[in-house]
């Protein structure tokens, strides 16, 4: 911790680099520690280290729909509604009418707001389309770079506010294949990230997915995210960036690199729904989340790492649902206690009546010991209720 504080004091430009590298997550981590005191502390953390970075757009991995989050995101195989545009676009072919989805959650004691809206509709009996928008943002951040004027006087009227926000727009298309039970889907994603007036970026990427259902109702799904690697190109306002450098005496570092990529990821899922005495059902799914890198996932090699997730949904007459899940298993090395495996549990409930579904999830975006838990709410509306 002392070493980290030394880096903060010595390299005030590093926070800007970390914020651009990891997006809002880096900012939130810093804001929690400093309690939103000054922008100078907000602007200092760490250094890039590479000209092209592999970790970007992490906000696109949080997930949408409280029903899915309550099952620890283990929905790749059975997703079959408007939210399939995010989880597996091949599932959109199961739509019988237009659907609209909304979701809101607050993370890190309401410092960051995460919002989602999705719309999808069938085109014909064999194909469907969808569009969705995700926004993950921290608003009303204090900009104190102008707090002290040219004569060295402190003037609080010179403090302004700004926001840092990440946006993801996804266009989805799905179609049934000639083989009965086999469907495919594709996503085209546009990423927009903004750090006040200091910097902004544009990115573009593609996803591809399939779903297959057997005659005995076993479901399989594969979702390949960022198959082309998603590129982000940053534009930095040199004048605004200079205010950060000038805010701390003796700092005049070069502008950070302006290109980053998101490496491909693969999700594989298997699910089965069991009917119990007509009125009750149990939906179970197991997913394997694969990244092509070596990290702290439960299974990790030099070629790829694998992280399992398990989700369960207990339903009554397709109206009331109870959900639970566990995922995000990580191997962690403790200084005093040795190695241990951390995980992320989640739970949730749902209510569906005549095409109006309200869901709630209690989860986080880290593991059971670090991140703060959040309340996630979502609403899904099936336009068939207007018939």
Protein backbone atom coordinates (compact mmCIF):
# COMPACT_ATOMS: atom_id res chain seq x y z
CA UNK A 1 0.00 0.00 0.00
CA UNK A 2 2.89 2.36 0.80
CA UNK A 3 4.48 1.59 -2.56
CA UNK A 4 1.17 2.27 -4.31
CA UNK A 5 0.88 5.64 -2.55
CA UNK A 6 4.42 6.50 -3.65
CA UNK A 7 3.40 5.86 -7.24
CA UNK A 8 0.39 8.11 -6.79
CA UNK A 9 2.52 10.95 -5.49
CA UNK A 10 5.31 10.53 -8.02
CA UNK A 11 3.32 9.96 -11.20
CA UNK A 12 0.15 12.10 -11.28
CA UNK A 13 -0.43 11.40 -14.97
CA UNK A 14 -0.63 7.66 -14.38
CA UNK A 15 -4.25 7.78 -13.18
CA UNK A 16 -5.31 9.16 -16.52
CA UNK A 17 -3.54 6.27 -18.21
CA UNK A 18 -5.15 3.69 -15.95
CA UNK A 19 -8.57 5.26 -16.40
CA UNK A 20 -8.22 5.03 -20.17
CA UNK A 21 -6.89 1.50 -19.95
CA UNK A 22 -9.52 0.00 -17.67
CA UNK A 23 -12.32 2.54 -18.05
CA UNK A 24 -14.57 3.41 -15.16
CA UNK A 25 -13.43 0.47 -13.01
CA UNK A 26 -10.07 2.13 -12.37
CA UNK A 27 -11.75 5.41 -11.61
CA UNK A 28 -14.19 3.86 -9.16
CA UNK A 29 -11.41 2.06 -7.31
CA UNK A 30 -9.63 5.37 -6.91
CA UNK A 31 -12.74 7.35 -6.02
CA UNK A 32 -13.61 4.91 -3.26
CA UNK A 33 -10.17 5.32 -1.70
CA UNK A 34 -10.05 9.11 -1.94
CA UNK A 35 -13.76 9.77 -1.31
CA UNK A 36 -13.98 12.13 -4.29
CA UNK A 37 -11.65 14.75 -2.84
CA UNK A 38 -9.79 16.28 -5.78
CA UNK A 39 -9.27 15.63 -9.44
CA UNK A 40 -5.51 15.56 -8.94
CA UNK A 41 -5.85 12.40 -6.91
CA UNK A 42 -8.35 11.17 -9.47
CA UNK A 43 -5.78 11.72 -12.23
CA UNK A 44 -2.89 9.70 -10.73
CA UNK A 45 -2.39 5.91 -10.56
CA UNK A 46 -0.25 3.80 -12.91
CA UNK A 47 1.43 3.51 -16.30
CA UNK A 48 0.44 1.81 -19.54
CA UNK A 49 3.45 -0.44 -20.08
CA UNK A 50 2.40 -1.51 -23.59
CA UNK A 51 1.75 0.41 -26.79
CA UNK A 52 -1.31 -1.74 -27.53
CA UNK A 53 -3.29 -2.89 -24.50
CA UNK A 54 -5.33 -6.10 -24.28
CA UNK A 55 -7.76 -5.09 -21.53
CA UNK A 56 -10.45 -2.64 -22.53
CA UNK A 57 -14.21 -2.28 -22.59
CA UNK A 58 -14.61 -4.33 -19.41
CA UNK A 59 -17.96 -2.65 -18.82
CA UNK A 60 -19.30 -4.77 -21.70
CA UNK A 61 -18.62 -7.93 -19.63
CA UNK A 62 -20.82 -7.06 -16.62
CA UNK A 63 -23.98 -8.44 -18.16
CA UNK A 64 -27.60 -7.37 -18.59
CA UNK A 65 -30.97 -8.53 -17.27
CA UNK A 66 -31.45 -9.19 -13.55
CA UNK A 67 -32.70 -12.69 -14.36
CA UNK A 68 -29.37 -13.58 -15.95
CA UNK A 69 -27.32 -11.86 -13.25
CA UNK A 70 -29.23 -13.81 -10.59
CA UNK A 71 -27.99 -17.00 -12.28
CA UNK A 72 -24.35 -15.80 -12.38
CA UNK A 73 -24.63 -15.10 -16.13
CA UNK A 74 -25.04 -18.82 -16.92
CA UNK A 75 -27.59 -18.27 -19.70
CA UNK A 76 -25.68 -18.77 -22.96
CA UNK A 77 -27.57 -21.93 -23.92
CA UNK A 78 -31.16 -21.11 -22.94
CA UNK A 79 -31.37 -17.33 -23.54
CA UNK A 80 -34.41 -16.81 -25.79
CA UNK A 81 -35.73 -13.26 -25.42
CA UNK A 82 -34.82 -9.64 -26.14
CA UNK A 83 -31.77 -9.94 -23.87
CA UNK A 84 -30.32 -12.61 -26.15
CA UNK A 85 -28.84 -9.76 -28.16
CA UNK A 86 -26.27 -9.56 -25.38
CA UNK A 87 -26.02 -13.17 -24.15
CA UNK A 88 -26.42 -15.12 -27.39
CA UNK A 89 -27.99 -13.41 -30.42
CA UNK A 90 -29.01 -16.78 -31.87
CA UNK A 91 -31.73 -16.89 -29.19
CA UNK A 92 -33.58 -13.99 -30.80
CA UNK A 93 -35.21 -16.40 -33.28
CA UNK A 94 -37.49 -17.61 -30.46
CA UNK A 95 -39.28 -14.25 -30.29
CA UNK A 96 -42.94 -14.35 -31.23
CA UNK A 97 -43.51 -10.60 -30.94
CA UNK A 98 -41.63 -7.38 -30.20
CA UNK A 99 -39.96 -7.14 -26.79
CA UNK A 100 -38.50 -4.28 -24.79
CA UNK A 101 -36.09 -4.61 -21.85
CA UNK A 102 -34.85 -2.07 -19.31
CA UNK A 103 -32.33 -2.45 -16.50
CA UNK A 104 -30.74 -0.22 -13.88
CA UNK A 105 -28.18 -0.89 -11.18
CA UNK A 106 -25.80 1.14 -9.05
CA UNK A 107 -22.34 -0.04 -8.11
CA UNK A 108 -19.81 0.98 -5.47
CA UNK A 109 -22.31 2.62 -3.11
CA UNK A 110 -24.10 4.38 -6.00
CA UNK A 111 -20.95 6.04 -7.32
CA UNK A 112 -21.38 4.35 -10.71
CA UNK A 113 -24.65 3.86 -12.57
CA UNK A 114 -25.18 1.05 -15.04
CA UNK A 115 -28.14 1.29 -17.42
CA UNK A 116 -29.37 -0.88 -20.28
CA UNK A 117 -32.17 -0.76 -22.81
CA UNK A 118 -32.85 -3.39 -25.47
CA UNK A 119 -35.41 -3.90 -28.22
CA UNK A 120 -35.90 -6.89 -30.50
CA UNK A 121 -38.48 -8.17 -32.96
CA UNK A 122 -39.00 -11.06 -35.34
CA UNK A 123 -38.66 -10.33 -39.05
CA UNK A 124 -40.33 -13.51 -40.21
CA UNK A 125 -40.62 -17.11 -39.04
CA UNK A 126 -36.90 -17.72 -39.48
CA UNK A 127 -35.12 -14.50 -38.48
CA UNK A 128 -35.10 -11.66 -35.96
CA UNK A 129 -33.22 -8.43 -35.24
CA UNK A 130 -32.38 -6.44 -32.13
CA UNK A 131 -30.64 -3.34 -30.85
CA UNK A 132 -29.39 -2.49 -27.36
CA UNK A 133 -27.58 0.29 -25.52
CA UNK A 134 -25.42 0.02 -22.39
CA UNK A 135 -24.19 3.03 -20.39
CA UNK A 136 -21.81 2.72 -17.45
CA UNK A 137 -20.89 6.09 -15.97
CA UNK A 138 -19.73 8.15 -13.05
CA UNK A 139 -21.27 11.62 -13.13
CA UNK A 140 -20.58 14.92 -11.36
CA UNK A 141 -16.85 14.39 -10.75
CA UNK A 142 -15.05 17.42 -9.34
CA UNK A 143 -12.55 19.03 -11.71
CA UNK A 144 -10.13 20.96 -9.49
CA UNK A 145 -7.36 21.56 -12.06
CA UNK A 146 -8.33 25.25 -12.12
CA UNK A 147 -8.80 25.58 -8.37
CA UNK A 148 -5.66 27.71 -8.00
CA UNK A 149 -5.39 30.73 -10.28
CA UNK A 150 -2.24 32.16 -11.87
CA UNK A 151 -1.52 34.23 -8.76
CA UNK A 152 -1.66 31.26 -6.44
CA UNK A 153 -5.06 32.07 -4.94
CA UNK A 154 -7.64 29.37 -4.22
CA UNK A 155 -10.97 30.09 -5.87
CA UNK A 156 -13.68 27.48 -5.35
CA UNK A 157 -15.78 29.04 -8.09
CA UNK A 158 -13.26 27.63 -10.55
CA UNK A 159 -14.27 24.06 -9.69
CA UNK A 160 -16.35 22.41 -12.41
CA UNK A 161 -18.03 19.05 -12.86
CA UNK A 162 -17.57 16.41 -15.53
CA UNK A 163 -18.57 12.83 -16.25
CA UNK A 164 -16.78 9.77 -17.46
CA UNK A 165 -18.99 7.37 -19.37
CA UNK A 166 -18.76 4.19 -21.42
CA UNK A 167 -21.38 3.43 -24.08
CA UNK A 168 -21.94 0.22 -26.02
CA UNK A 169 -24.45 -0.04 -28.88
CA UNK A 170 -25.11 -3.53 -30.25
CA UNK A 171 -26.95 -4.43 -33.46
CA UNK A 172 -28.06 -8.08 -33.56
CA UNK A 173 -29.31 -10.46 -36.24
CA UNK A 174 -30.42 -14.08 -35.82
CA UNK A 175 -31.64 -16.76 -38.21
CA UNK A 176 -32.73 -20.40 -38.12
CA UNK A 177 -30.62 -22.85 -40.10
CA UNK A 178 -32.03 -25.72 -42.19
CA UNK A 179 -31.02 -28.22 -39.51
CA UNK A 180 -33.91 -28.42 -37.05
CA UNK A 181 -33.01 -26.87 -33.70
CA UNK A 182 -29.87 -25.07 -34.93
CA UNK A 183 -29.78 -21.25 -35.02
CA UNK A 184 -27.05 -18.65 -35.45
CA UNK A 185 -26.67 -14.99 -34.58
CA UNK A 186 -24.21 -12.13 -35.05
CA UNK A 187 -23.59 -8.83 -33.28
CA UNK A 188 -22.02 -5.63 -34.53
CA UNK A 189 -20.86 -3.43 -31.64
CA UNK A 190 -19.98 0.25 -31.54
CA UNK A 191 -18.14 1.43 -28.42
CA UNK A 192 -17.96 5.06 -27.30
CA UNK A 193 -15.97 6.09 -24.23
CA UNK A 194 -15.66 9.61 -22.86
CA UNK A 195 -13.52 11.03 -20.04
CA UNK A 196 -14.90 14.55 -19.66
CA UNK A 197 -13.20 16.93 -22.07
CA UNK A 198 -9.87 15.16 -21.61
CA UNK A 199 -10.24 12.22 -23.98
CA UNK A 200 -12.68 10.08 -25.93
CA UNK A 201 -12.56 6.96 -28.06
CA UNK A 202 -14.45 4.99 -30.69
CA UNK A 203 -14.36 1.21 -31.04
CA UNK A 204 -15.91 -1.48 -33.20
CA UNK A 205 -16.22 -5.24 -32.86
CA UNK A 206 -18.16 -8.35 -33.87
CA UNK A 207 -19.67 -11.31 -32.01
CA UNK A 208 -20.88 -14.63 -33.42
CA UNK A 209 -23.02 -17.27 -31.75
CA UNK A 210 -25.02 -20.47 -32.22
CA UNK A 211 -27.67 -22.35 -30.26
CA UNK A 212 -28.79 -25.93 -30.68
CA UNK A 213 -31.68 -27.79 -29.05
CA UNK A 214 -31.99 -31.57 -29.15
CA UNK A 215 -35.26 -33.50 -29.40
CA UNK A 216 -35.11 -34.31 -25.69
CA UNK A 217 -34.82 -30.55 -24.95
CA UNK A 218 -31.16 -30.32 -24.03
CA UNK A 219 -29.87 -26.91 -25.11
CA UNK A 220 -26.34 -25.95 -26.14
CA UNK A 221 -24.96 -22.51 -26.83
CA UNK A 222 -21.67 -21.00 -27.98
CA UNK A 223 -20.99 -17.27 -27.85
CA UNK A 224 -17.74 -15.93 -29.38
CA UNK A 225 -17.21 -12.33 -28.28
CA UNK A 226 -14.95 -9.84 -30.05
CA UNK A 227 -14.01 -12.38 -32.70
CA UNK A 228 -12.17 -9.73 -34.74
CA UNK A 229 -10.68 -8.23 -31.56
CA UNK A 230 -12.44 -4.98 -30.73
CA UNK A 231 -10.25 -1.96 -31.40
CA UNK A 232 -10.54 1.34 -29.55
CA UNK A 233 -8.90 4.46 -30.96
CA UNK A 234 -8.51 7.33 -28.49
CA UNK A 235 -8.41 11.06 -29.19
CA UNK A 236 -6.85 13.14 -26.41
CA UNK A 237 -7.40 16.88 -26.08
CA UNK A 238 -3.86 18.14 -25.60
CA UNK A 239 -4.96 21.44 -24.08
CA UNK A 240 -7.16 19.76 -21.48
CA UNK A 241 -4.50 17.13 -20.84
CA UNK A 242 -2.01 19.93 -20.24
CA UNK A 243 -4.17 21.21 -17.37
CA UNK A 244 -3.58 17.89 -15.63
CA UNK A 245 0.15 18.11 -16.18
CA UNK A 246 0.33 21.75 -15.06
CA UNK A 247 -1.74 21.09 -11.97
CA UNK A 248 1.24 19.37 -10.37
CA UNK A 249 4.57 21.16 -10.46
CA UNK A 250 7.34 19.47 -12.43
CA UNK A 251 5.10 17.08 -14.36
CA UNK A 252 5.31 17.20 -18.13
CA UNK A 253 4.95 13.65 -19.35
CA UNK A 254 4.16 12.65 -22.90
CA UNK A 255 0.67 11.80 -24.04
CA UNK A 256 -0.27 8.15 -23.47
CA UNK A 257 -0.71 5.67 -26.29
CA UNK A 258 -4.01 5.87 -28.12
CA UNK A 259 -4.79 2.31 -29.27
CA UNK A 260 -6.19 -0.59 -27.28
CA UNK A 261 -7.84 -3.89 -28.15
CA UNK A 262 -10.25 -6.34 -26.55
CA UNK A 263 -9.10 -9.92 -27.06
CA UNK A 264 -11.64 -12.61 -28.08
CA UNK A 265 -13.58 -14.60 -25.49
CA UNK A 266 -15.59 -17.81 -25.84
CA UNK A 267 -18.59 -18.91 -23.81
CA UNK A 268 -19.98 -22.44 -23.96
CA UNK A 269 -23.17 -23.45 -22.18
CA UNK A 270 -25.38 -26.50 -21.60
CA UNK A 271 -28.86 -26.27 -20.08
CA UNK A 272 -31.87 -28.41 -19.32
CA UNK A 273 -35.33 -27.59 -18.00
CA UNK A 274 -37.04 -30.17 -15.80
CA UNK A 275 -40.79 -30.15 -15.18
CA UNK A 276 -41.86 -31.22 -11.68
CA UNK A 277 -45.51 -32.16 -11.10
CA UNK A 278 -46.81 -29.95 -13.90
CA UNK A 279 -46.72 -26.61 -12.05
CA UNK A 280 -43.08 -26.53 -10.99
CA UNK A 281 -39.92 -26.33 -13.07
CA UNK A 282 -36.18 -26.34 -12.52
CA UNK A 283 -33.87 -24.79 -15.11
CA UNK A 284 -30.17 -25.57 -14.74
CA UNK A 285 -27.25 -24.37 -16.84
CA UNK A 286 -23.50 -24.77 -16.68
CA UNK A 287 -21.30 -22.36 -18.65
CA UNK A 288 -17.58 -22.33 -19.37
CA UNK A 289 -16.11 -18.87 -19.93
CA UNK A 290 -12.86 -19.09 -21.89
CA UNK A 291 -10.24 -16.37 -22.36
CA UNK A 292 -7.24 -16.93 -24.58
CA UNK A 293 -4.63 -15.90 -22.05
CA UNK A 294 -3.09 -17.08 -18.80
CA UNK A 295 -4.60 -15.52 -15.68
CA UNK A 296 -6.04 -16.41 -12.27
CA UNK A 297 -9.12 -18.29 -13.51
CA UNK A 298 -9.90 -21.65 -11.92
CA UNK A 299 -8.29 -23.48 -14.85
CA UNK A 300 -5.45 -21.64 -16.54
CA UNK A 301 -2.79 -22.56 -19.08
CA UNK A 302 -0.46 -20.58 -21.31
CA UNK A 303 -2.98 -20.95 -24.15
CA UNK A 304 -6.31 -20.30 -22.43
CA UNK A 305 -8.06 -19.99 -19.09
CA UNK A 306 -11.46 -21.44 -18.17
CA UNK A 307 -13.90 -20.12 -15.62
CA UNK A 308 -17.09 -22.12 -14.91
CA UNK A 309 -20.46 -20.71 -13.88
CA UNK A 310 -23.56 -22.48 -12.60
CA UNK A 311 -27.08 -21.06 -12.63
CA UNK A 312 -30.38 -22.43 -11.28
CA UNK A 313 -33.92 -21.15 -11.70
CA UNK A 314 -36.88 -22.62 -9.85
CA UNK A 315 -40.23 -21.63 -11.32
CA UNK A 316 -43.87 -21.92 -10.37
CA UNK A 317 -46.48 -21.94 -13.21
CA UNK A 318 -44.09 -19.77 -15.25
CA UNK A 319 -45.06 -16.84 -13.07
CA UNK A 320 -42.81 -16.77 -9.99
CA UNK A 321 -39.08 -17.52 -10.12
CA UNK A 322 -36.32 -18.03 -7.58
CA UNK A 323 -32.75 -17.93 -8.88
CA UNK A 324 -29.24 -18.61 -7.63
CA UNK A 325 -25.83 -18.94 -9.17
CA UNK A 326 -22.11 -19.04 -8.58
CA UNK A 327 -19.26 -18.09 -10.89
CA UNK A 328 -16.13 -15.98 -11.36
CA UNK A 329 -13.86 -18.51 -9.64
CA UNK A 330 -10.38 -17.09 -9.10
CA UNK A 331 -7.16 -18.54 -7.68
CA UNK A 332 -5.81 -16.03 -5.19
CA UNK A 333 -2.55 -16.03 -3.27
CA UNK A 334 -2.84 -14.63 0.26
CA UNK A 335 0.18 -13.26 2.07
CA UNK A 336 -0.68 -14.96 5.37
CA UNK A 337 -3.21 -17.67 4.51
CA UNK A 338 -1.68 -19.16 1.37
CA UNK A 339 -3.69 -19.91 -1.76
CA UNK A 340 -7.46 -19.88 -1.88
CA UNK A 341 -10.27 -19.91 -4.44
CA UNK A 342 -12.64 -16.96 -4.46
CA UNK A 343 -16.00 -16.93 -6.20
CA UNK A 344 -18.96 -14.70 -6.92
CA UNK A 345 -22.37 -15.85 -5.64
CA UNK A 346 -25.65 -14.32 -6.75
CA UNK A 347 -29.37 -14.72 -6.21
CA UNK A 348 -32.58 -13.25 -7.46
CA UNK A 349 -36.34 -13.41 -7.87
CA UNK A 350 -38.72 -12.72 -10.74
CA UNK A 351 -42.40 -12.24 -11.46
CA UNK A 352 -44.05 -12.67 -14.86
CA UNK A 353 -47.67 -11.90 -15.64
CA UNK A 354 -49.20 -11.70 -19.11
CA UNK A 355 -46.00 -10.59 -20.83
CA UNK A 356 -44.78 -8.17 -18.16
CA UNK A 357 -41.77 -9.52 -16.28
CA UNK A 358 -40.02 -7.82 -13.36
CA UNK A 359 -36.74 -9.28 -12.08
CA UNK A 360 -34.39 -8.54 -9.19
CA UNK A 361 -30.84 -9.73 -8.56
CA UNK A 362 -28.49 -9.35 -5.63
CA UNK A 363 -24.93 -9.61 -6.89
CA UNK A 364 -21.67 -7.74 -7.47
CA UNK A 365 -19.02 -7.40 -10.17
CA UNK A 366 -16.11 -8.86 -8.22
CA UNK A 367 -16.11 -11.75 -5.74
CA UNK A 368 -17.68 -12.52 -2.39
CA UNK A 369 -14.98 -10.76 -0.35
CA UNK A 370 -14.01 -7.59 -2.23
CA UNK A 371 -16.64 -5.73 -4.21
CA UNK A 372 -19.76 -4.20 -2.71
CA UNK A 373 -22.99 -6.01 -3.47
CA UNK A 374 -25.58 -4.27 -5.59
CA UNK A 375 -29.31 -4.40 -6.18
CA UNK A 376 -30.19 -4.91 -9.84
CA UNK A 377 -33.67 -4.39 -11.27
CA UNK A 378 -34.90 -5.11 -14.75
CA UNK A 379 -38.17 -4.97 -16.66
CA UNK A 380 -39.17 -6.92 -19.76
CA UNK A 381 -42.25 -6.13 -21.81
CA UNK A 382 -43.68 -8.45 -24.47
CA UNK A 383 -45.78 -6.52 -26.98
CA UNK A 384 -48.16 -9.46 -27.31
CA UNK A 385 -50.08 -8.00 -24.37
CA UNK A 386 -51.38 -5.30 -26.74
CA UNK A 387 -52.98 -7.77 -29.09
